Structure formats: structure tokens, C-alpha cells
Amino acid sequence: MKNQTLAIIAYITVIGWIYTYIQYKNNPVKDALVRYHLGQSLGIFIIAAIITTIYKIVAGIMPSIGSIIALAGLLPLMMLVYGIIAASREAQSPVPGVGKYFENRFGFLN
């Protein structure tokens, strides 16, 4: 499978990320594009989990504010779309906002 395709699949659900990670680890030549987008997508999935947890806690306490935080749940989706576009262009550009933080953050991807 092409590295560009693997980089795109990394953004499509956690199962896609796991599939890409397995393909990346089994490949003797570690492609920088795939590694970069694995890190970016994992970072987005972590951010999404944090937002979901905060939303559930706040919505349980104050439902009116919870609806505002629910809109923040769209941010990871927008980041995923941006990452897919960057991967399809074979660019190693970080997702807006948090992408720089997740560059070279996950040592197990090396």
C-alpha cells in the first residue's frame, strides 16, 4: 500500500490508526510521512477524548454550558479533515492549534 494512502487511513477512526501503525511497524523502511501523520492523528484522537470527557462532566453538572462545549466537539473533526488533506498532498504540515505540540512527541513511532 502506498505511504500516502496509509497516512490518510491513519486519520479515519482509531481502527484506521491501528491498521496504519501495524503496517508502518511491519514495513522495513519507516516512511517519514506515515510516521508524521500517525503522530498527528493520535494527538487529535487524544484531544477528542479529552473534549468528550470534559463535555460529559460539564453537561452532567450544567446542561446549558454543556451545549456550548458540545460545539467544541467539532474541532477534532475539523482537525481530522485538515490532516487528511495534508496527507493527500503528501505534506508534513501540523494541524492548526495543537499540531506543533504533537510533532516528535510519540517516541514509540520511531
Protein backbone atom coordinates (compact mmCIF):
# COMPACT_ATOMS: atom_id res chain seq x y z
CA MET A 1 0.00 0.00 0.00
CA LYS A 2 1.26 3.48 -0.80
CA ASN A 3 2.56 5.60 2.04
CA GLN A 4 0.19 8.42 1.10
CA THR A 5 -2.77 6.07 1.47
CA LEU A 6 -1.53 4.83 4.83
CA ALA A 7 -1.12 8.42 6.03
CA ILE A 8 -4.73 9.16 5.07
CA ILE A 9 -6.07 5.97 6.71
CA ALA A 10 -4.39 6.99 9.98
CA TYR A 11 -6.98 9.76 10.35
CA ILE A 12 -10.02 7.56 9.72
CA THR A 13 -11.11 6.24 13.13
CA VAL A 14 -8.95 4.62 15.75
CA ILE A 15 -9.16 1.30 13.88
CA GLY A 16 -7.64 3.01 10.83
CA TRP A 17 -4.89 4.35 13.05
CA ILE A 18 -4.17 0.87 14.44
CA TYR A 19 -4.11 -0.61 10.92
CA THR A 20 -1.69 2.07 9.73
CA TYR A 21 0.50 1.61 12.80
CA ILE A 22 0.74 -2.15 12.20
CA GLN A 23 1.58 -1.62 8.54
CA TYR A 24 4.18 1.00 9.50
CA LYS A 25 5.85 -1.24 12.09
CA ASN A 26 5.91 -4.26 9.74
CA ASN A 27 7.49 -2.27 6.92
CA PRO A 28 11.31 -2.47 6.99
CA VAL A 29 11.57 1.07 5.57
CA LYS A 30 10.00 3.53 8.00
CA ASP A 31 8.46 6.34 5.94
CA ALA A 32 8.62 9.82 7.49
CA LEU A 33 5.25 10.83 6.01
CA VAL A 34 3.42 7.92 7.63
CA ARG A 35 5.20 8.45 10.96
CA TYR A 36 4.35 12.14 10.96
CA HIS A 37 0.66 11.60 10.25
CA LEU A 38 0.43 8.76 12.77
CA GLY A 39 1.61 11.21 15.42
CA GLN A 40 -0.73 13.98 14.30
CA SER A 41 -3.78 11.72 14.17
CA LEU A 42 -3.01 10.15 17.55
CA GLY A 43 -2.78 13.64 19.01
CA ILE A 44 -6.16 14.53 17.55
CA PHE A 45 -7.72 11.36 18.97
CA ILE A 46 -6.31 12.25 22.41
CA ILE A 47 -7.70 15.79 22.15
CA ALA A 48 -11.10 14.37 21.13
CA ALA A 49 -11.13 12.06 24.16
CA ILE A 50 -10.31 14.97 26.47
CA ILE A 51 -13.04 17.16 24.97
CA THR A 52 -15.56 14.32 25.26
CA THR A 53 -14.67 13.72 28.91
CA ILE A 54 -14.95 17.42 29.76
CA TYR A 55 -18.27 17.61 27.91
CA LYS A 56 -19.74 14.68 29.83
CA ILE A 57 -18.69 16.11 33.18
CA VAL A 58 -19.90 19.65 32.46
CA ALA A 59 -23.15 18.51 30.79
CA GLY A 60 -23.94 16.44 33.88
CA ILE A 61 -23.46 19.44 36.15
CA MET A 62 -24.71 22.32 33.98
CA PRO A 63 -26.56 21.23 30.84
CA SER A 64 -26.78 24.77 29.42
CA ILE A 65 -23.00 25.17 29.33
CA GLY A 66 -22.63 21.61 28.12
CA SER A 67 -24.29 22.53 24.85
CA ILE A 68 -21.64 25.18 24.24
CA ILE A 69 -18.87 22.68 24.91
CA ALA A 70 -20.59 20.26 22.53
CA LEU A 71 -19.69 22.69 19.75
CA ALA A 72 -16.04 22.26 20.74
CA GLY A 73 -16.51 18.62 19.80
CA LEU A 74 -16.44 19.72 16.17
CA LEU A 75 -12.84 20.91 16.49
CA PRO A 76 -11.29 17.41 16.32
CA LEU A 77 -13.39 16.66 13.25
CA MET A 78 -12.09 19.78 11.52
CA MET A 79 -8.53 18.84 12.53
CA LEU A 80 -9.01 15.34 11.09
CA VAL A 81 -10.19 16.79 7.78
CA TYR A 82 -7.20 19.14 7.70
CA GLY A 83 -4.87 16.22 8.41
CA ILE A 84 -6.43 14.12 5.64
CA ILE A 85 -5.96 16.97 3.19
CA ALA A 86 -2.33 17.41 4.25
CA ALA A 87 -1.71 13.66 3.95
CA SER A 88 -3.28 13.55 0.50
CA ARG A 89 -0.89 16.31 -0.60
CA GLU A 90 1.99 14.36 0.98
CA ALA A 91 2.77 17.37 3.16
CA GLN A 92 4.05 17.20 6.70
CA SER A 93 2.15 20.23 7.94
CA PRO A 94 0.83 20.25 11.51
CA VAL A 95 -2.87 20.54 12.18
CA PRO A 96 -3.87 24.02 13.34
CA GLY A 97 -3.64 24.75 17.03
CA VAL A 98 -2.20 21.58 18.52
CA GLY A 99 -0.23 20.00 15.68
CA LYS A 100 3.13 21.52 16.66
CA TYR A 101 2.74 20.08 20.15
CA PHE A 102 2.42 16.54 18.80
CA GLU A 103 5.38 16.68 16.41
CA ASN A 104 8.01 14.14 17.53
CA ARG A 105 6.06 13.60 20.76
CA PHE A 106 5.40 9.87 20.49
CA GLY A 107 8.71 8.01 20.75
CA PHE A 108 7.24 4.59 20.02
CA LEU A 109 6.62 5.68 16.42
CA ASN A 110 10.34 5.87 15.65
